Amino acid sequence: MAEYEKKVRQILRENGCRFVRHGKGDHDIWYSPITGNNITVDGEIRIRHVANGIMKQAGIDYHF
């Protein structure tokens, strides 16, 4: 099974997103300057569709 969390976080940083704080459980809150919104990033992303959803929420055109 592929794990996407490291790649997702790397792409977020490359696009100017920044870590804001830890959320509940193993979730983290990130800020996207592209959309101006906070997004939730799970600590374990094993499904490609979840990773693509995070990219979409961040306003980043990237598909796994």
PDB file of N, CA and C in Angstrom:
ATOM      1  N   MET A   1       0.838  -1.178   0.000  1.00  0.00           N
ATOM      2  CA  MET A   1       0.000   0.000   0.000  1.00  0.00           C
ATOM      3  C   MET A   1       0.888   1.248   0.000  1.00  0.00           C
ATOM      4  N   ALA A   2       0.563   2.180  -0.840  1.00  0.00           N
ATOM      5  CA  ALA A   2       1.334   3.427  -0.911  1.00  0.00           C
ATOM      6  C   ALA A   2       0.940   4.353   0.233  1.00  0.00           C
ATOM      7  N   GLU A   3       1.918   5.083   0.701  1.00  0.00           N
ATOM      8  CA  GLU A   3       1.656   6.087   1.726  1.00  0.00           C
ATOM      9  C   GLU A   3       2.044   7.442   1.148  1.00  0.00           C
ATOM     10  N   TYR A   4       1.125   8.376   1.184  1.00  0.00           N
ATOM     11  CA  TYR A   4       1.275   9.646   0.497  1.00  0.00           C
ATOM     12  C   TYR A   4       1.618  10.823   1.399  1.00  0.00           C
ATOM     13  N   GLU A   5       1.596  10.650   2.728  1.00  0.00           N
ATOM     14  CA  GLU A   5       1.702  11.815   3.608  1.00  0.00           C
ATOM     15  C   GLU A   5       2.998  12.603   3.429  1.00  0.00           C
ATOM     16  N   LYS A   6       4.140  11.944   3.242  1.00  0.00           N
ATOM     17  CA  LYS A   6       5.400  12.675   3.072  1.00  0.00           C
ATOM     18  C   LYS A   6       5.395  13.500   1.793  1.00  0.00           C
ATOM     19  N   LYS A   7       4.902  12.908   0.712  1.00  0.00           N
ATOM     20  CA  LYS A   7       4.855  13.618  -0.571  1.00  0.00           C
ATOM     21  C   LYS A   7       3.861  14.776  -0.509  1.00  0.00           C
ATOM     22  N   VAL A   8       2.717  14.573   0.142  1.00  0.00           N
ATOM     23  CA  VAL A   8       1.715  15.630   0.277  1.00  0.00           C
ATOM     24  C   VAL A   8       2.296  16.817   1.027  1.00  0.00           C
ATOM     25  N   ARG A   9       2.954  16.552   2.143  1.00  0.00           N
ATOM     26  CA  ARG A   9       3.543  17.627   2.943  1.00  0.00           C
ATOM     27  C   ARG A   9       4.654  18.352   2.175  1.00  0.00           C
ATOM     28  N   GLN A  10       5.440  17.613   1.409  1.00  0.00           N
ATOM     29  CA  GLN A  10       6.506  18.214   0.603  1.00  0.00           C
ATOM     30  C   GLN A  10       5.914  19.156  -0.452  1.00  0.00           C
ATOM     31  N   ILE A  11       4.880  18.710  -1.127  1.00  0.00           N
ATOM     32  CA  ILE A  11       4.241  19.525  -2.167  1.00  0.00           C
ATOM     33  C   ILE A  11       3.587  20.754  -1.544  1.00  0.00           C
ATOM     34  N   LEU A  12       2.966  20.600  -0.378  1.00  0.00           N
ATOM     35  CA  LEU A  12       2.366  21.746   0.305  1.00  0.00           C
ATOM     36  C   LEU A  12       3.432  22.800   0.605  1.00  0.00           C
ATOM     37  N   ARG A  13       4.575  22.374   1.169  1.00  0.00           N
ATOM     38  CA  ARG A  13       5.655  23.319   1.484  1.00  0.00           C
ATOM     39  C   ARG A  13       6.195  23.990   0.222  1.00  0.00           C
ATOM     40  N   GLU A  14       6.368  23.233  -0.849  1.00  0.00           N
ATOM     41  CA  GLU A  14       6.886  23.784  -2.107  1.00  0.00           C
ATOM     42  C   GLU A  14       5.960  24.849  -2.689  1.00  0.00           C
ATOM     43  N   ASN A  15       4.680  24.776  -2.355  1.00  0.00           N
ATOM     44  CA  ASN A  15       3.705  25.728  -2.878  1.00  0.00           C
ATOM     45  C   ASN A  15       3.360  26.827  -1.877  1.00  0.00           C
ATOM     46  N   GLY A  16       4.179  26.983  -0.853  1.00  0.00           N
ATOM     47  CA  GLY A  16       4.020  28.087   0.086  1.00  0.00           C
ATOM     48  C   GLY A  16       3.091  27.833   1.244  1.00  0.00           C
ATOM     49  N   CYS A  17       2.547  26.633   1.347  1.00  0.00           N
ATOM     50  CA  CYS A  17       1.680  26.312   2.480  1.00  0.00           C
ATOM     51  C   CYS A  17       2.545  26.137   3.718  1.00  0.00           C
ATOM     52  N   ARG A  18       1.938  26.418   4.878  1.00  0.00           N
ATOM     53  CA  ARG A  18       2.707  26.293   6.109  1.00  0.00           C
ATOM     54  C   ARG A  18       1.897  25.587   7.176  1.00  0.00           C
ATOM     55  N   PHE A  19       2.636  24.880   8.025  1.00  0.00           N
ATOM     56  CA  PHE A  19       2.038  24.180   9.155  1.00  0.00           C
ATOM     57  C   PHE A  19       1.550  25.211  10.159  1.00  0.00           C
ATOM     58  N   VAL A  20       0.321  25.058  10.651  1.00  0.00           N
ATOM     59  CA  VAL A  20      -0.246  25.981  11.625  1.00  0.00           C
ATOM     60  C   VAL A  20      -0.184  25.365  13.015  1.00  0.00           C
ATOM     61  N   ARG A  21      -0.775  24.173  13.170  1.00  0.00           N
ATOM     62  CA  ARG A  21      -0.830  23.534  14.487  1.00  0.00           C
ATOM     63  C   ARG A  21      -1.263  22.086  14.331  1.00  0.00           C
ATOM     64  N   HIS A  22      -1.119  21.345  15.425  1.00  0.00           N
ATOM     65  CA  HIS A  22      -1.633  19.980  15.471  1.00  0.00           C
ATOM     66  C   HIS A  22      -3.126  20.039  15.752  1.00  0.00           C
ATOM     67  N   GLY A  23      -3.864  19.174  15.108  1.00  0.00           N
ATOM     68  CA  GLY A  23      -5.298  19.088  15.344  1.00  0.00           C
ATOM     69  C   GLY A  23      -5.608  17.906  16.237  1.00  0.00           C
ATOM     70  N   LYS A  24      -6.819  17.421  16.156  1.00  0.00           N
ATOM     71  CA  LYS A  24      -7.221  16.271  16.968  1.00  0.00           C
ATOM     72  C   LYS A  24      -6.638  14.991  16.380  1.00  0.00           C
ATOM     73  N   GLY A  25      -6.278  14.083  17.247  1.00  0.00           N
ATOM     74  CA  GLY A  25      -5.724  12.805  16.793  1.00  0.00           C
ATOM     75  C   GLY A  25      -4.408  13.010  16.077  1.00  0.00           C
ATOM     76  N   ASP A  26      -4.288  12.400  14.914  1.00  0.00           N
ATOM     77  CA  ASP A  26      -3.046  12.536  14.151  1.00  0.00           C
ATOM     78  C   ASP A  26      -3.189  13.512  12.983  1.00  0.00           C
ATOM     79  N   HIS A  27      -4.130  14.425  13.071  1.00  0.00           N
ATOM     80  CA  HIS A  27      -4.343  15.418  12.029  1.00  0.00           C
ATOM     81  C   HIS A  27      -3.549  16.694  12.315  1.00  0.00           C
ATOM     82  N   ASP A  28      -3.127  17.358  11.248  1.00  0.00           N
ATOM     83  CA  ASP A  28      -2.449  18.644  11.348  1.00  0.00           C
ATOM     84  C   ASP A  28      -3.231  19.680  10.546  1.00  0.00           C
ATOM     85  N   ILE A  29      -3.139  20.924  10.972  1.00  0.00           N
ATOM     86  CA  ILE A  29      -3.788  22.028  10.276  1.00  0.00           C
ATOM     87  C   ILE A  29      -2.708  22.804   9.539  1.00  0.00           C
ATOM     88  N   TRP A  30      -2.919  23.009   8.242  1.00  0.00           N
ATOM     89  CA  TRP A  30      -2.005  23.763   7.392  1.00  0.00           C
ATOM     90  C   TRP A  30      -2.748  24.951   6.809  1.00  0.00           C
ATOM     91  N   TYR A  31      -2.007  26.016   6.497  1.00  0.00           N
ATOM     92  CA  TYR A  31      -2.584  27.202   5.862  1.00  0.00           C
ATOM     93  C   TYR A  31      -2.127  27.254   4.416  1.00  0.00           C
ATOM     94  N   SER A  32      -3.056  27.460   3.500  1.00  0.00           N
ATOM     95  CA  SER A  32      -2.748  27.589   2.081  1.00  0.00           C
ATOM     96  C   SER A  32      -2.894  29.047   1.663  1.00  0.00           C
ATOM     97  N   PRO A  33      -1.792  29.704   1.268  1.00  0.00           N
ATOM     98  CA  PRO A  33      -1.896  31.085   0.806  1.00  0.00           C
ATOM     99  C   PRO A  33      -2.588  31.201  -0.556  1.00  0.00           C
ATOM    100  N   ILE A  34      -2.687  30.096  -1.263  1.00  0.00           N
ATOM    101  CA  ILE A  34      -3.353  30.093  -2.573  1.00  0.00           C
ATOM    102  C   ILE A  34      -4.849  30.319  -2.401  1.00  0.00           C
ATOM    103  N   THR A  35      -5.448  29.604  -1.449  1.00  0.00           N
ATOM    104  CA  THR A  35      -6.887  29.727  -1.217  1.00  0.00           C
ATOM    105  C   THR A  35      -7.212  30.638  -0.044  1.00  0.00           C
ATOM    106  N   GLY A  36      -6.229  30.857   0.827  1.00  0.00           N
ATOM    107  CA  GLY A  36      -6.467  31.660   2.030  1.00  0.00           C
ATOM    108  C   GLY A  36      -7.193  30.892   3.114  1.00  0.00           C
ATOM    109  N   ASN A  37      -7.227  29.579   3.009  1.00  0.00           N
ATOM    110  CA  ASN A  37      -7.949  28.731   3.959  1.00  0.00           C
ATOM    111  C   ASN A  37      -7.015  27.781   4.685  1.00  0.00           C
ATOM    112  N   ASN A  38      -7.463  27.345   5.848  1.00  0.00           N
ATOM    113  CA  ASN A  38      -6.779  26.267   6.547  1.00  0.00           C
ATOM    114  C   ASN A  38      -7.287  24.945   6.005  1.00  0.00           C
ATOM    115  N   ILE A  39      -6.394  23.958   5.926  1.00  0.00           N
ATOM    116  CA  ILE A  39      -6.777  22.628   5.462  1.00  0.00           C
ATOM    117  C   ILE A  39      -6.298  21.605   6.483  1.00  0.00           C
ATOM    118  N   THR A  40      -6.993  20.495   6.567  1.00  0.00           N
ATOM    119  CA  THR A  40      -6.651  19.417   7.485  1.00  0.00           C
ATOM    120  C   THR A  40      -5.893  18.346   6.722  1.00  0.00           C
ATOM    121  N   VAL A  41      -4.744  17.951   7.288  1.00  0.00           N
ATOM    122  CA  VAL A  41      -3.928  16.909   6.671  1.00  0.00           C
ATOM    123  C   VAL A  41      -3.807  15.759   7.659  1.00  0.00           C
ATOM    124  N   ASP A  42      -4.235  14.590   7.231  1.00  0.00           N
ATOM    125  CA  ASP A  42      -4.186  13.402   8.069  1.00  0.00           C
ATOM    126  C   ASP A  42      -2.739  12.937   8.235  1.00  0.00           C
ATOM    127  N   GLY A  43      -2.431  12.307   9.346  1.00  0.00           N
ATOM    128  CA  GLY A  43      -1.089  11.803   9.612  1.00  0.00           C
ATOM    129  C   GLY A  43      -0.746  10.576   8.792  1.00  0.00           C
ATOM    130  N   GLU A  44      -1.751   9.823   8.377  1.00  0.00           N
ATOM    131  CA  GLU A  44      -1.547   8.646   7.537  1.00  0.00           C
ATOM    132  C   GLU A  44      -2.466   8.742   6.331  1.00  0.00           C
ATOM    133  N   ILE A  45      -1.880   9.032   5.179  1.00  0.00           N
ATOM    134  CA  ILE A  45      -2.659   9.130   3.946  1.00  0.00           C
ATOM    135  C   ILE A  45      -2.292   7.931   3.096  1.00  0.00           C
ATOM    136  N   ARG A  46      -3.185   6.970   3.029  1.00  0.00           N
ATOM    137  CA  ARG A  46      -2.908   5.737   2.291  1.00  0.00           C
ATOM    138  C   ARG A  46      -3.717   5.622   1.009  1.00  0.00           C
ATOM    139  N   ILE A  47      -4.659   6.525   0.823  1.00  0.00           N
ATOM    140  CA  ILE A  47      -5.541   6.452  -0.342  1.00  0.00           C
ATOM    141  C   ILE A  47      -5.251   7.640  -1.256  1.00  0.00           C
ATOM    142  N   ARG A  48      -5.052   7.337  -2.514  1.00  0.00           N
ATOM    143  CA  ARG A  48      -4.712   8.356  -3.509  1.00  0.00           C
ATOM    144  C   ARG A  48      -5.778   9.440  -3.595  1.00  0.00           C
ATOM    145  N   HIS A  49      -7.024   9.075  -3.481  1.00  0.00           N
ATOM    146  CA  HIS A  49      -8.118  10.041  -3.589  1.00  0.00           C
ATOM    147  C   HIS A  49      -8.107  11.039  -2.430  1.00  0.00           C
ATOM    148  N   VAL A  50      -7.692  10.605  -1.268  1.00  0.00           N
ATOM    149  CA  VAL A  50      -7.574  11.504  -0.114  1.00  0.00           C
ATOM    150  C   VAL A  50      -6.451  12.506  -0.365  1.00  0.00           C
ATOM    151  N   ALA A  51      -5.316  12.020  -0.875  1.00  0.00           N
ATOM    152  CA  ALA A  51      -4.194  12.905  -1.189  1.00  0.00           C
ATOM    153  C   ALA A  51      -4.597  13.928  -2.246  1.00  0.00           C
ATOM    154  N   ASN A  52      -5.324  13.499  -3.262  1.00  0.00           N
ATOM    155  CA  ASN A  52      -5.782  14.429  -4.306  1.00  0.00           C
ATOM    156  C   ASN A  52      -6.772  15.440  -3.741  1.00  0.00           C
ATOM    157  N   GLY A  53      -7.601  15.021  -2.805  1.00  0.00           N
ATOM    158  CA  GLY A  53      -8.549  15.939  -2.169  1.00  0.00           C
ATOM    159  C   GLY A  53      -7.849  17.024  -1.371  1.00  0.00           C
ATOM    160  N   ILE A  54      -6.768  16.669  -0.698  1.00  0.00           N
ATOM    161  CA  ILE A  54      -5.991  17.656   0.058  1.00  0.00           C
ATOM    162  C   ILE A  54      -5.372  18.665  -0.903  1.00  0.00           C
ATOM    163  N   MET A  55      -4.842  18.180  -2.022  1.00  0.00           N
ATOM    164  CA  MET A  55      -4.259  19.084  -3.023  1.00  0.00           C
ATOM    165  C   MET A  55      -5.316  20.042  -3.566  1.00  0.00           C
ATOM    166  N   LYS A  56      -6.512  19.533  -3.802  1.00  0.00           N
ATOM    167  CA  LYS A  56      -7.600  20.367  -4.312  1.00  0.00           C
ATOM    168  C   LYS A  56      -8.006  21.428  -3.300  1.00  0.00           C
ATOM    169  N   GLN A  57      -8.107  21.046  -2.023  1.00  0.00           N
ATOM    170  CA  GLN A  57      -8.457  22.009  -0.971  1.00  0.00           C
ATOM    171  C   GLN A  57      -7.404  23.099  -0.836  1.00  0.00           C
ATOM    172  N   ALA A  58      -6.137  22.733  -1.092  1.00  0.00           N
ATOM    173  CA  ALA A  58      -5.039  23.696  -0.991  1.00  0.00           C
ATOM    174  C   ALA A  58      -4.923  24.572  -2.237  1.00  0.00           C
ATOM    175  N   GLY A  59      -5.675  24.235  -3.293  1.00  0.00           N
ATOM    176  CA  GLY A  59      -5.622  25.005  -4.533  1.00  0.00           C
ATOM    177  C   GLY A  59      -4.426  24.665  -5.399  1.00  0.00           C
ATOM    178  N   ILE A  60      -3.870  23.472  -5.211  1.00  0.00           N
ATOM    179  CA  ILE A  60      -2.693  23.032  -5.946  1.00  0.00           C
ATOM    180  C   ILE A  60      -3.129  22.031  -7.017  1.00  0.00           C
ATOM    181  N   ASP A  61      -2.709  22.277  -8.248  1.00  0.00           N
ATOM    182  CA  ASP A  61      -3.058  21.396  -9.357  1.00  0.00           C
ATOM    183  C   ASP A  61      -2.029  20.282  -9.443  1.00  0.00           C
ATOM    184  N   TYR A  62      -2.246  19.224  -8.670  1.00  0.00           N
ATOM    185  CA  TYR A  62      -1.348  18.087  -8.637  1.00  0.00           C
ATOM    186  C   TYR A  62      -2.198  16.837  -8.447  1.00  0.00           C
ATOM    187  N   HIS A  63      -1.901  15.792  -9.216  1.00  0.00           N
ATOM    188  CA  HIS A  63      -2.663  14.548  -9.111  1.00  0.00           C
ATOM    189  C   HIS A  63      -1.720  13.382  -8.901  1.00  0.00           C
ATOM    190  N   PHE A  64      -2.047  12.553  -7.917  1.00  0.00           N
ATOM    191  CA  PHE A  64      -1.253  11.356  -7.653  1.00  0.00           C
ATOM    192  C   PHE A  64      -1.708  10.226  -8.508  1.00  0.00           C
TER     193      PHE A  64
END
